[in-house]
Each structure stands twice: as structure tokens, then as C-alpha cells.
C-alpha atoms as a PDB file:
ATOM      1  CA  GLN A   1      93.427 100.393  92.686  1.00  0.00           C
ATOM      2  CA  VAL A   2      95.780  98.595  90.420  1.00  0.00           C
ATOM      3  CA  GLN A   3      95.672  94.971  90.750  1.00  0.00           C
ATOM      4  CA  LEU A   4      97.138  91.779  89.109  1.00  0.00           C
ATOM      5  CA  VAL A   5      95.310  88.676  89.089  1.00  0.00           C
ATOM      6  CA  GLU A   6      97.132  85.471  88.774  1.00  0.00           C
ATOM      7  CA  SER A   7      95.676  82.032  87.753  1.00  0.00           C
ATOM      8  CA  GLY A   8      96.331  78.269  86.681  1.00  0.00           C
ATOM      9  CA  GLY A   9      98.155  77.225  89.533  1.00  0.00           C
ATOM     10  CA  GLY A  10      97.585  73.435  90.916  1.00  0.00           C
ATOM     11  CA  LEU A  11      98.902  70.128  91.768  1.00  0.00           C
ATOM     12  CA  VAL A  12     100.734  68.130  89.018  1.00  0.00           C
ATOM     13  CA  ARG A  13     102.959  65.348  88.724  1.00  0.00           C
ATOM     14  CA  PRO A  14     106.476  65.506  87.970  1.00  0.00           C
ATOM     15  CA  GLY A  15     106.762  65.898  84.102  1.00  0.00           C
ATOM     16  CA  GLY A  16     103.667  67.298  83.826  1.00  0.00           C
ATOM     17  CA  SER A  17     102.640  70.903  82.690  1.00  0.00           C
ATOM     18  CA  LEU A  18     100.879  74.025  83.636  1.00  0.00           C
ATOM     19  CA  MET A  19     100.123  77.387  82.218  1.00  0.00           C
ATOM     20  CA  LEU A  20     100.000  80.531  84.467  1.00  0.00           C
ATOM     21  CA  SER A  21      97.911  83.724  83.600  1.00  0.00           C
ATOM     22  CA  CYS A  22      98.449  86.967  84.922  1.00  0.00           C
ATOM     23  CA  ALA A  23      95.546  89.715  84.227  1.00  0.00           C
ATOM     24  CA  VAL A  24      97.302  93.225  83.673  1.00  0.00           C
ATOM     25  CA  PRO A  25      95.194  96.330  84.164  1.00  0.00           C
ATOM     26  CA  GLN A  26      95.274  98.530  80.727  1.00  0.00           C
ATOM     27  CA  SER A  27      96.498 101.040  82.638  1.00  0.00           C
ATOM     28  CA  ILE A  28      99.717  99.635  82.964  1.00  0.00           C
ATOM     29  CA  PHE A  29     100.030  97.015  80.382  1.00  0.00           C
ATOM     30  CA  SER A  30     102.510  99.123  78.569  1.00  0.00           C
ATOM     31  CA  ARG A  31     105.223  97.727  75.966  1.00  0.00           C
ATOM     32  CA  HIS A  32     107.489 100.163  78.334  1.00  0.00           C
ATOM     33  CA  ALA A  33     106.504  98.179  81.289  1.00  0.00           C
ATOM     34  CA  LEU A  34     108.743  95.499  82.873  1.00  0.00           C
ATOM     35  CA  MET A  35     106.588  92.273  83.477  1.00  0.00           C
ATOM     36  CA  ALA A  36     107.725  89.338  84.925  1.00  0.00           C
ATOM     37  CA  TRP A  37     107.105  86.146  87.032  1.00  0.00           C
ATOM     38  CA  HIS A  38     108.976  85.347  90.364  1.00  0.00           C
ATOM     39  CA  ARG A  39     108.608  82.315  92.417  1.00  0.00           C
ATOM     40  CA  GLN A  40     109.023  81.505  96.221  1.00  0.00           C
ATOM     41  CA  ALA A  41     109.477  78.239  97.658  1.00  0.00           C
ATOM     42  CA  ALA A  42     108.802  77.457 101.327  1.00  0.00           C
ATOM     43  CA  GLY A  43     111.604  78.891 103.294  1.00  0.00           C
ATOM     44  CA  LYS A  44     113.433  80.453 100.576  1.00  0.00           C
ATOM     45  CA  GLU A  45     113.696  83.903  98.871  1.00  0.00           C
ATOM     46  CA  ARG A  46     111.748  85.269  95.931  1.00  0.00           C
ATOM     47  CA  GLU A  47     113.457  84.262  92.733  1.00  0.00           C
ATOM     48  CA  LEU A  48     113.022  85.721  89.144  1.00  0.00           C
ATOM     49  CA  VAL A  49     111.624  83.101  86.730  1.00  0.00           C
ATOM     50  CA  GLY A  50     111.186  85.123  83.572  1.00  0.00           C
ATOM     51  CA  SER A  51     110.442  88.604  82.464  1.00  0.00           C
ATOM     52  CA  PHE A  52     109.988  91.020  79.497  1.00  0.00           C
ATOM     53  CA  SER A  53     112.094  94.176  79.346  1.00  0.00           C
ATOM     54  CA  SER A  54     111.133  97.669  78.688  1.00  0.00           C
ATOM     55  CA  GLY A  55     112.330  96.976  75.426  1.00  0.00           C
ATOM     56  CA  GLY A  56     110.216  93.921  74.877  1.00  0.00           C
ATOM     57  CA  SER A  57     113.227  91.170  75.228  1.00  0.00           C
ATOM     58  CA  ARG A  58     112.260  87.990  77.207  1.00  0.00           C
ATOM     59  CA  THR A  59     114.572  86.124  78.981  1.00  0.00           C
ATOM     60  CA  VAL A  60     113.776  83.188  81.752  1.00  0.00           C
ATOM     61  CA  ALA A  61     116.367  81.587  84.638  1.00  0.00           C
ATOM     62  CA  ASN A  62     118.767  79.364  83.724  1.00  0.00           C
ATOM     63  CA  SER A  63     117.087  76.611  86.212  1.00  0.00           C
ATOM     64  CA  VAL A  64     113.870  76.808  83.891  1.00  0.00           C
ATOM     65  CA  LYS A  65     115.391  77.371  80.729  1.00  0.00           C
ATOM     66  CA  GLY A  66     114.028  75.026  77.889  1.00  0.00           C
ATOM     67  CA  ARG A  67     111.163  74.050  80.453  1.00  0.00           C
ATOM     68  CA  PHE A  68     109.389  77.429  80.633  1.00  0.00           C
ATOM     69  CA  ILE A  69     108.267  80.274  78.650  1.00  0.00           C
ATOM     70  CA  ILE A  70     106.935  83.578  79.265  1.00  0.00           C
ATOM     71  CA  SER A  71     104.506  85.265  76.647  1.00  0.00           C
ATOM     72  CA  ARG A  72     102.071  87.881  76.669  1.00  0.00           C
ATOM     73  CA  ASP A  73      98.826  88.870  74.650  1.00  0.00           C
ATOM     74  CA  THR A  74      98.560  92.518  73.859  1.00  0.00           C
ATOM     75  CA  THR A  75      94.700  92.063  72.918  1.00  0.00           C
ATOM     76  CA  THR A  76      93.781  90.515  76.299  1.00  0.00           C
ATOM     77  CA  ASN A  77      96.618  92.471  78.626  1.00  0.00           C
ATOM     78  CA  THR A  78      97.723  89.057  79.910  1.00  0.00           C
ATOM     79  CA  VAL A  79     101.122  87.611  80.886  1.00  0.00           C
ATOM     80  CA  TYR A  80     101.341  83.977  80.768  1.00  0.00           C
ATOM     81  CA  LEU A  81     104.163  81.403  81.961  1.00  0.00           C
ATOM     82  CA  GLN A  82     103.996  78.047  80.220  1.00  0.00           C
ATOM     83  CA  MET A  83     105.582  75.504  82.715  1.00  0.00           C
ATOM     84  CA  ASP A  84     106.673  71.993  80.841  1.00  0.00           C
ATOM     85  CA  ASN A  85     108.271  68.915  82.502  1.00  0.00           C
ATOM     86  CA  LEU A  86     107.682  70.527  85.611  1.00  0.00           C
ATOM     87  CA  LYS A  87     110.172  68.924  88.876  1.00  0.00           C
ATOM     88  CA  PRO A  88     109.731  69.278  92.337  1.00  0.00           C
ATOM     89  CA  GLU A  89     111.862  71.813  92.955  1.00  0.00           C
ATOM     90  CA  ASP A  90     109.515  73.963  90.939  1.00  0.00           C
ATOM     91  CA  THR A  91     107.174  73.876  93.853  1.00  0.00           C
ATOM     92  CA  GLY A  92     106.424  77.574  95.168  1.00  0.00           C
ATOM     93  CA  VAL A  93     104.046  80.590  95.000  1.00  0.00           C
ATOM     94  CA  TYR A  94     104.195  82.212  91.751  1.00  0.00           C
ATOM     95  CA  TYR A  95     104.050  85.738  91.569  1.00  0.00           C
ATOM     96  CA  CYS A  96     103.250  88.136  88.427  1.00  0.00           C
ATOM     97  CA  ASP A  97     104.832  91.741  88.532  1.00  0.00           C
ATOM     98  CA  VAL A  98     104.611  94.701  86.509  1.00  0.00           C
ATOM     99  CA  GLN A  99     106.863  97.799  86.821  1.00  0.00           C
ATOM    100  CA  TYR A 100     105.823 100.917  85.232  1.00  0.00           C
ATOM    101  CA  GLY A 101     106.060 104.536  85.941  1.00  0.00           C
ATOM    102  CA  GLY A 102     108.414 103.966  88.659  1.00  0.00           C
ATOM    103  CA  THR A 103     105.683 101.824  90.708  1.00  0.00           C
ATOM    104  CA  ALA A 104     106.141  97.965  91.293  1.00  0.00           C
ATOM    105  CA  TYR A 105     102.744  96.008  91.138  1.00  0.00           C
ATOM    106  CA  TRP A 106     102.451  92.481  92.436  1.00  0.00           C
ATOM    107  CA  GLY A 107      99.964  89.928  92.407  1.00  0.00           C
ATOM    108  CA  GLN A 108      98.601  87.812  95.389  1.00  0.00           C
ATOM    109  CA  GLY A 109     100.137  84.743  94.023  1.00  0.00           C
ATOM    110  CA  THR A 110      99.056  81.193  92.560  1.00  0.00           C
ATOM    111  CA  GLN A 111     100.307  78.023  94.235  1.00  0.00           C
ATOM    112  CA  VAL A 112     102.035  75.219  92.307  1.00  0.00           C
ATOM    113  CA  THR A 113     102.848  71.910  93.692  1.00  0.00           C
ATOM    114  CA  VAL A 114     104.803  69.209  91.728  1.00  0.00           C
ATOM    115  CA  SER A 115     104.436  66.019  93.672  1.00  0.00           C
ATOM    116  CA  SER A 116     104.003  62.451  92.969  1.00  0.00           C
END
């Protein structure tokens, strides 16, 4: 069973930083895969935060541009989301997902709470 494992969430004050990690199985960690972070706030729909396309280019949502960076380490098969200058509206469950070979794989999510 292919499983993605997120970590790094927690409680942080506004203006603080967190780095989320997503461990991706070797079998689907491919430069041809689409890898992304999504988030879902309570009572809202899941939204895309940042992604690597299957061609390797990366983008982040306008709401987090200049504050969040998505990256990946091909030696450890890990996708990261560095989050700086966090705001209360960034609160939610953050999910890692990989689309490869016609299948979408999701992690269980990690909670991020931004509050004073």
C-alpha cells in the first residue's frame, strides 16, 4: 500500500514559521509525477497551496506567494513546504498529494494552527 506521511504541523503565533515535510515512497517519487500541497480550513473546501508540475516547474497560490516555498529533495524522496510570516487565515489541515501513473495518492494531513 502506497502511503504518504506528512509531518511538521503545529501551533504557531502570527508571523511565525513552520516547515512541513511529506515522505513519498520511492515507487512514486518521479520527476514525471505531479506533487502538491493542499490545505483545508474548517468549513471550507480544500485548496491548492503549491505544486510541482510533471515537468518540474513549481507554483504557489497567490494567497501565499512571497511567504510559502515548495521544494523537494530527490535524495530523500521528500516534498517540503516552508511557510513563513504565517497568518491566522493559514490555519487548516495541510495535505500532501502525488499524482503518478493515473493515480492520486494522499497523505493523512497535518494540522497547522496560527493563533496568538
